[in-house]
Amino acid sequence: MLKIPISAAASALLRALLGRANVRRDRILLIELRSTDWQSLTLTGERHEISLRVPPPDADKVTRRLVEGLEDAEFAIPGQIVADIAVADHIERGPDGSVALTIEALTVSE
């Protein structure tokens, strides 16, 4: 198994997102994950861009479970607060019935 180097916050956020879809992990493909350090005057954290692809069958149904209520969702990530999260731009449907989307999030260290 290939393991990519990502931060603990990004890894936990990805696991939480996959859990929202309520399917086996191999049903959602990680296309790209980028995290950059973020800070304000009093807080530190990371900005994340997570690009995912959901292949058929049931790509629309799985994607809907993943993104419905995402902006108001509560995430239990030890040591982190998800301060902001949303689907970036739009959701793309592929000719093969797959769905591609990018989720942007800000995690702040507690």
N, C-alpha and C. Protein backbone atom coordinates (compact mmCIF):
# COMPACT_ATOMS: atom_id res chain seq x y z
N MET A 1 0.84 -1.17 0.00
CA MET A 1 0.00 0.00 0.00
C MET A 1 0.89 1.23 0.00
N LEU A 2 0.61 2.17 -0.88
CA LEU A 2 1.35 3.41 -0.97
C LEU A 2 0.77 4.41 0.03
N LYS A 3 1.64 4.99 0.85
CA LYS A 3 1.19 5.99 1.81
C LYS A 3 1.77 7.34 1.40
N ILE A 4 0.89 8.32 1.26
CA ILE A 4 1.36 9.64 0.89
C ILE A 4 1.58 10.46 2.16
N PRO A 5 2.58 11.33 2.15
CA PRO A 5 2.85 12.13 3.35
C PRO A 5 1.86 13.30 3.46
N ILE A 6 0.97 13.21 4.43
CA ILE A 6 0.04 14.31 4.69
C ILE A 6 0.01 14.55 6.19
N SER A 7 -0.41 15.73 6.56
CA SER A 7 -0.45 16.08 7.98
C SER A 7 -1.52 15.28 8.71
N ALA A 8 -1.39 15.26 10.01
CA ALA A 8 -2.39 14.56 10.84
C ALA A 8 -3.77 15.19 10.67
N ALA A 9 -3.82 16.52 10.58
CA ALA A 9 -5.11 17.20 10.41
C ALA A 9 -5.75 16.83 9.07
N ALA A 10 -4.96 16.82 8.00
CA ALA A 10 -5.48 16.48 6.68
C ALA A 10 -5.95 15.02 6.64
N SER A 11 -5.18 14.14 7.24
CA SER A 11 -5.53 12.72 7.27
C SER A 11 -6.84 12.50 8.03
N ALA A 12 -6.98 13.13 9.17
CA ALA A 12 -8.20 12.99 9.97
C ALA A 12 -9.41 13.59 9.25
N LEU A 13 -9.21 14.72 8.59
CA LEU A 13 -10.30 15.34 7.84
C LEU A 13 -10.73 14.44 6.69
N LEU A 14 -9.78 13.86 5.98
CA LEU A 14 -10.10 12.95 4.88
C LEU A 14 -10.89 11.74 5.40
N ARG A 15 -10.47 11.15 6.50
CA ARG A 15 -11.19 10.02 7.08
C ARG A 15 -12.62 10.41 7.46
N ALA A 16 -12.77 11.60 8.04
CA ALA A 16 -14.11 12.08 8.43
C ALA A 16 -15.00 12.28 7.21
N LEU A 17 -14.45 12.82 6.14
CA LEU A 17 -15.22 13.02 4.91
C LEU A 17 -15.65 11.68 4.32
N LEU A 18 -14.72 10.74 4.26
CA LEU A 18 -15.06 9.41 3.72
C LEU A 18 -16.13 8.74 4.57
N GLY A 19 -16.08 8.95 5.87
CA GLY A 19 -17.08 8.40 6.76
C GLY A 19 -18.47 8.94 6.50
N ARG A 20 -18.56 10.21 6.09
CA ARG A 20 -19.87 10.81 5.79
C ARG A 20 -20.58 10.10 4.64
N ALA A 21 -19.80 9.58 3.70
CA ALA A 21 -20.39 8.93 2.52
C ALA A 21 -20.96 7.57 2.85
N ASN A 22 -20.52 6.98 3.95
CA ASN A 22 -21.05 5.70 4.42
C ASN A 22 -20.92 4.58 3.38
N VAL A 23 -19.73 4.52 2.75
CA VAL A 23 -19.40 3.45 1.80
C VAL A 23 -17.99 2.95 2.10
N ARG A 24 -17.61 1.83 1.52
CA ARG A 24 -16.24 1.35 1.67
C ARG A 24 -15.27 2.40 1.14
N ARG A 25 -14.12 2.48 1.76
CA ARG A 25 -13.15 3.52 1.38
C ARG A 25 -12.70 3.42 -0.07
N ASP A 26 -12.72 2.24 -0.65
CA ASP A 26 -12.27 2.11 -2.03
C ASP A 26 -13.32 2.59 -3.04
N ARG A 27 -14.47 3.07 -2.56
CA ARG A 27 -15.50 3.62 -3.45
C ARG A 27 -15.29 5.09 -3.76
N ILE A 28 -14.39 5.73 -3.02
CA ILE A 28 -14.09 7.14 -3.27
C ILE A 28 -12.59 7.25 -3.47
N LEU A 29 -12.21 7.80 -4.61
CA LEU A 29 -10.80 7.88 -4.97
C LEU A 29 -10.24 9.26 -4.63
N LEU A 30 -9.11 9.29 -3.97
CA LEU A 30 -8.41 10.53 -3.69
C LEU A 30 -7.59 10.90 -4.91
N ILE A 31 -7.90 12.03 -5.52
CA ILE A 31 -7.19 12.49 -6.71
C ILE A 31 -6.01 13.38 -6.31
N GLU A 32 -6.28 14.30 -5.39
CA GLU A 32 -5.22 15.22 -4.95
C GLU A 32 -5.59 15.77 -3.58
N LEU A 33 -4.57 15.97 -2.76
CA LEU A 33 -4.77 16.59 -1.45
C LEU A 33 -3.62 17.57 -1.23
N ARG A 34 -3.97 18.83 -1.07
CA ARG A 34 -2.97 19.85 -0.80
C ARG A 34 -3.31 20.56 0.49
N SER A 35 -2.33 20.70 1.35
CA SER A 35 -2.50 21.43 2.61
C SER A 35 -1.40 22.46 2.71
N THR A 36 -1.79 23.65 3.18
CA THR A 36 -0.81 24.71 3.41
C THR A 36 -1.03 25.27 4.81
N ASP A 37 0.06 25.67 5.43
CA ASP A 37 -0.04 26.27 6.75
C ASP A 37 -0.83 27.56 6.67
N TRP A 38 -1.55 27.85 7.73
CA TRP A 38 -2.38 29.05 7.83
C TRP A 38 -2.22 29.61 9.23
N GLN A 39 -2.25 30.92 9.33
CA GLN A 39 -2.25 31.51 10.67
C GLN A 39 -2.90 32.89 10.64
N SER A 40 -3.49 33.23 11.77
CA SER A 40 -4.01 34.57 11.98
C SER A 40 -3.19 35.15 13.12
N LEU A 41 -3.62 36.24 13.67
CA LEU A 41 -2.89 36.86 14.77
C LEU A 41 -2.83 35.94 15.99
N THR A 42 -3.89 35.17 16.22
CA THR A 42 -3.94 34.34 17.43
C THR A 42 -4.12 32.84 17.18
N LEU A 43 -4.36 32.43 15.94
CA LEU A 43 -4.66 31.03 15.65
C LEU A 43 -3.70 30.48 14.60
N THR A 44 -3.49 29.16 14.65
CA THR A 44 -2.71 28.49 13.60
C THR A 44 -3.51 27.29 13.11
N GLY A 45 -3.25 26.92 11.89
CA GLY A 45 -3.94 25.78 11.33
C GLY A 45 -3.46 25.48 9.93
N GLU A 46 -4.35 24.88 9.13
CA GLU A 46 -4.03 24.51 7.75
C GLU A 46 -5.24 24.73 6.86
N ARG A 47 -4.97 25.14 5.62
CA ARG A 47 -5.98 25.16 4.57
C ARG A 47 -5.80 23.89 3.76
N HIS A 48 -6.93 23.25 3.41
CA HIS A 48 -6.88 21.99 2.69
C HIS A 48 -7.72 22.07 1.42
N GLU A 49 -7.22 21.47 0.36
CA GLU A 49 -7.97 21.24 -0.88
C GLU A 49 -7.93 19.75 -1.14
N ILE A 50 -9.09 19.13 -1.12
CA ILE A 50 -9.18 17.68 -1.28
C ILE A 50 -10.02 17.39 -2.52
N SER A 51 -9.38 16.83 -3.55
CA SER A 51 -10.07 16.48 -4.78
C SER A 51 -10.38 14.99 -4.77
N LEU A 52 -11.64 14.67 -4.99
CA LEU A 52 -12.13 13.30 -4.93
C LEU A 52 -12.85 12.93 -6.22
N ARG A 53 -12.88 11.63 -6.52
CA ARG A 53 -13.66 11.12 -7.64
C ARG A 53 -14.46 9.92 -7.13
N VAL A 54 -15.74 9.93 -7.42
CA VAL A 54 -16.62 8.83 -7.03
C VAL A 54 -17.03 8.11 -8.31
N PRO A 55 -16.55 6.87 -8.51
CA PRO A 55 -16.91 6.14 -9.72
C PRO A 55 -18.31 5.53 -9.62
N PRO A 56 -18.89 5.19 -10.78
CA PRO A 56 -20.18 4.51 -10.74
C PRO A 56 -20.01 3.10 -10.20
N PRO A 57 -21.02 2.41 -9.79
CA PRO A 57 -22.42 2.85 -9.79
C PRO A 57 -22.75 3.71 -8.58
N ASP A 58 -23.87 4.33 -8.61
CA ASP A 58 -24.40 5.16 -7.51
C ASP A 58 -23.52 6.36 -7.16
N ALA A 59 -22.77 6.88 -8.11
CA ALA A 59 -21.87 8.01 -7.84
C ALA A 59 -22.65 9.23 -7.33
N ASP A 60 -23.79 9.52 -7.91
CA ASP A 60 -24.58 10.67 -7.47
C ASP A 60 -25.07 10.49 -6.04
N LYS A 61 -25.53 9.30 -5.71
CA LYS A 61 -26.05 9.01 -4.38
C LYS A 61 -24.94 9.12 -3.33
N VAL A 62 -23.78 8.56 -3.62
CA VAL A 62 -22.65 8.62 -2.69
C VAL A 62 -22.19 10.07 -2.51
N THR A 63 -22.10 10.81 -3.61
CA THR A 63 -21.68 12.21 -3.54
C THR A 63 -22.66 13.04 -2.74
N ARG A 64 -23.94 12.79 -2.93
CA ARG A 64 -24.96 13.53 -2.17
C ARG A 64 -24.78 13.32 -0.67
N ARG A 65 -24.54 12.06 -0.26
CA ARG A 65 -24.32 11.79 1.17
C ARG A 65 -23.07 12.50 1.68
N LEU A 66 -22.08 12.60 0.85
CA LEU A 66 -20.83 13.23 1.23
C LEU A 66 -20.99 14.74 1.44
N VAL A 67 -21.75 15.40 0.57
CA VAL A 67 -21.79 16.87 0.59
C VAL A 67 -23.03 17.49 1.23
N GLU A 68 -24.12 16.74 1.39
CA GLU A 68 -25.33 17.33 1.99
C GLU A 68 -25.05 17.78 3.42
N GLY A 69 -25.30 19.04 3.69
CA GLY A 69 -25.10 19.59 5.02
C GLY A 69 -23.64 19.73 5.42
N LEU A 70 -22.75 19.65 4.46
CA LEU A 70 -21.31 19.68 4.75
C LEU A 70 -20.90 20.95 5.49
N GLU A 71 -21.42 22.09 5.07
CA GLU A 71 -21.00 23.37 5.66
C GLU A 71 -21.43 23.51 7.12
N ASP A 72 -22.44 22.75 7.54
CA ASP A 72 -22.92 22.81 8.92
C ASP A 72 -22.51 21.59 9.74
N ALA A 73 -21.76 20.69 9.13
CA ALA A 73 -21.40 19.44 9.80
C ALA A 73 -20.40 19.68 10.93
N GLU A 74 -20.51 18.84 11.94
CA GLU A 74 -19.57 18.84 13.07
C GLU A 74 -18.58 17.70 12.84
N PHE A 75 -17.31 17.98 13.01
CA PHE A 75 -16.28 16.96 12.82
C PHE A 75 -15.54 16.75 14.13
N ALA A 76 -15.35 15.48 14.48
CA ALA A 76 -14.62 15.14 15.70
C ALA A 76 -13.19 14.77 15.31
N ILE A 77 -12.33 15.78 15.27
CA ILE A 77 -10.93 15.58 14.92
C ILE A 77 -10.10 16.03 16.12
N PRO A 78 -9.44 15.08 16.78
CA PRO A 78 -8.67 15.43 17.98
C PRO A 78 -7.64 16.54 17.72
N GLY A 79 -7.69 17.57 18.57
CA GLY A 79 -6.74 18.67 18.48
C GLY A 79 -7.02 19.67 17.38
N GLN A 80 -8.11 19.48 16.63
CA GLN A 80 -8.43 20.36 15.50
C GLN A 80 -9.90 20.78 15.54
N ILE A 81 -10.14 21.97 15.04
CA ILE A 81 -11.49 22.45 14.81
C ILE A 81 -11.62 22.73 13.32
N VAL A 82 -12.67 22.20 12.69
CA VAL A 82 -12.93 22.51 11.29
C VAL A 82 -13.68 23.84 11.29
N ALA A 83 -12.95 24.91 11.01
CA ALA A 83 -13.52 26.25 11.09
C ALA A 83 -14.34 26.61 9.86
N ASP A 84 -14.01 26.01 8.72
CA ASP A 84 -14.72 26.31 7.48
C ASP A 84 -14.55 25.13 6.54
N ILE A 85 -15.63 24.76 5.85
CA ILE A 85 -15.56 23.67 4.89
C ILE A 85 -16.67 23.86 3.86
N ALA A 86 -16.36 23.58 2.60
CA ALA A 86 -17.34 23.74 1.54
C ALA A 86 -16.86 23.03 0.28
N VAL A 87 -17.82 22.73 -0.60
CA VAL A 87 -17.47 22.22 -1.91
C VAL A 87 -17.01 23.40 -2.75
N ALA A 88 -15.83 23.27 -3.34
CA ALA A 88 -15.28 24.35 -4.17
C ALA A 88 -15.89 24.30 -5.56
N ASP A 89 -16.18 25.46 -6.10
CA ASP A 89 -16.70 25.59 -7.46
C ASP A 89 -17.92 24.73 -7.70
N HIS A 90 -17.76 23.69 -8.50
CA HIS A 90 -18.92 22.88 -8.86
C HIS A 90 -18.54 21.39 -8.89
N ILE A 91 -19.55 20.57 -8.95
CA ILE A 91 -19.37 19.13 -9.04
C ILE A 91 -19.44 18.75 -10.51
N GLU A 92 -18.44 17.98 -10.98
CA GLU A 92 -18.39 17.59 -12.39
C GLU A 92 -18.81 16.14 -12.56
N ARG A 93 -19.63 15.90 -13.57
CA ARG A 93 -20.03 14.54 -13.89
C ARG A 93 -19.28 14.09 -15.13
N GLY A 94 -18.62 12.95 -15.03
CA GLY A 94 -17.86 12.42 -16.15
C GLY A 94 -18.73 11.63 -17.10
N PRO A 95 -18.27 11.42 -18.32
CA PRO A 95 -19.04 10.65 -19.30
C PRO A 95 -19.24 9.19 -18.89
N ASP A 96 -18.40 8.71 -17.98
CA ASP A 96 -18.53 7.33 -17.51
C ASP A 96 -19.48 7.20 -16.32
N GLY A 97 -20.09 8.32 -15.90
CA GLY A 97 -21.01 8.30 -14.76
C GLY A 97 -20.35 8.62 -13.43
N SER A 98 -19.05 8.92 -13.47
CA SER A 98 -18.34 9.28 -12.24
C SER A 98 -18.63 10.73 -11.85
N VAL A 99 -18.31 11.06 -10.62
CA VAL A 99 -18.50 12.42 -10.12
C VAL A 99 -17.17 12.87 -9.52
N ALA A 100 -16.74 14.08 -9.91
CA ALA A 100 -15.51 14.65 -9.37
C ALA A 100 -15.85 15.93 -8.63
N LEU A 101 -15.20 16.13 -7.48
CA LEU A 101 -15.44 17.34 -6.70
C LEU A 101 -14.21 17.68 -5.89
N THR A 102 -14.12 18.94 -5.50
CA THR A 102 -13.05 19.41 -4.65
C THR A 102 -13.68 20.05 -3.41
N ILE A 103 -13.17 19.67 -2.26
CA ILE A 103 -13.63 20.22 -1.01
C ILE A 103 -12.51 21.07 -0.42
N GLU A 104 -12.85 22.29 -0.01
CA GLU A 104 -11.89 23.18 0.63
C GLU A 104 -12.26 23.30 2.10
N ALA A 105 -11.24 23.28 2.95
CA ALA A 105 -11.50 23.34 4.39
C ALA A 105 -10.37 24.10 5.09
N LEU A 106 -10.71 24.64 6.24
CA LEU A 106 -9.75 25.27 7.13
C LEU A 106 -9.83 24.56 8.47
N THR A 107 -8.72 23.99 8.90
CA THR A 107 -8.67 23.40 10.23
C THR A 107 -7.80 24.30 11.11
N VAL A 108 -8.22 24.47 12.36
CA VAL A 108 -7.51 25.33 13.30
C VAL A 108 -7.10 24.47 14.49
N SER A 109 -5.87 24.62 14.92
CA SER A 109 -5.38 23.86 16.08
C SER A 109 -6.07 24.37 17.35
N GLU A 110 -6.48 23.42 18.20
CA GLU A 110 -7.13 23.79 19.46
C GLU A 110 -6.10 24.27 20.46
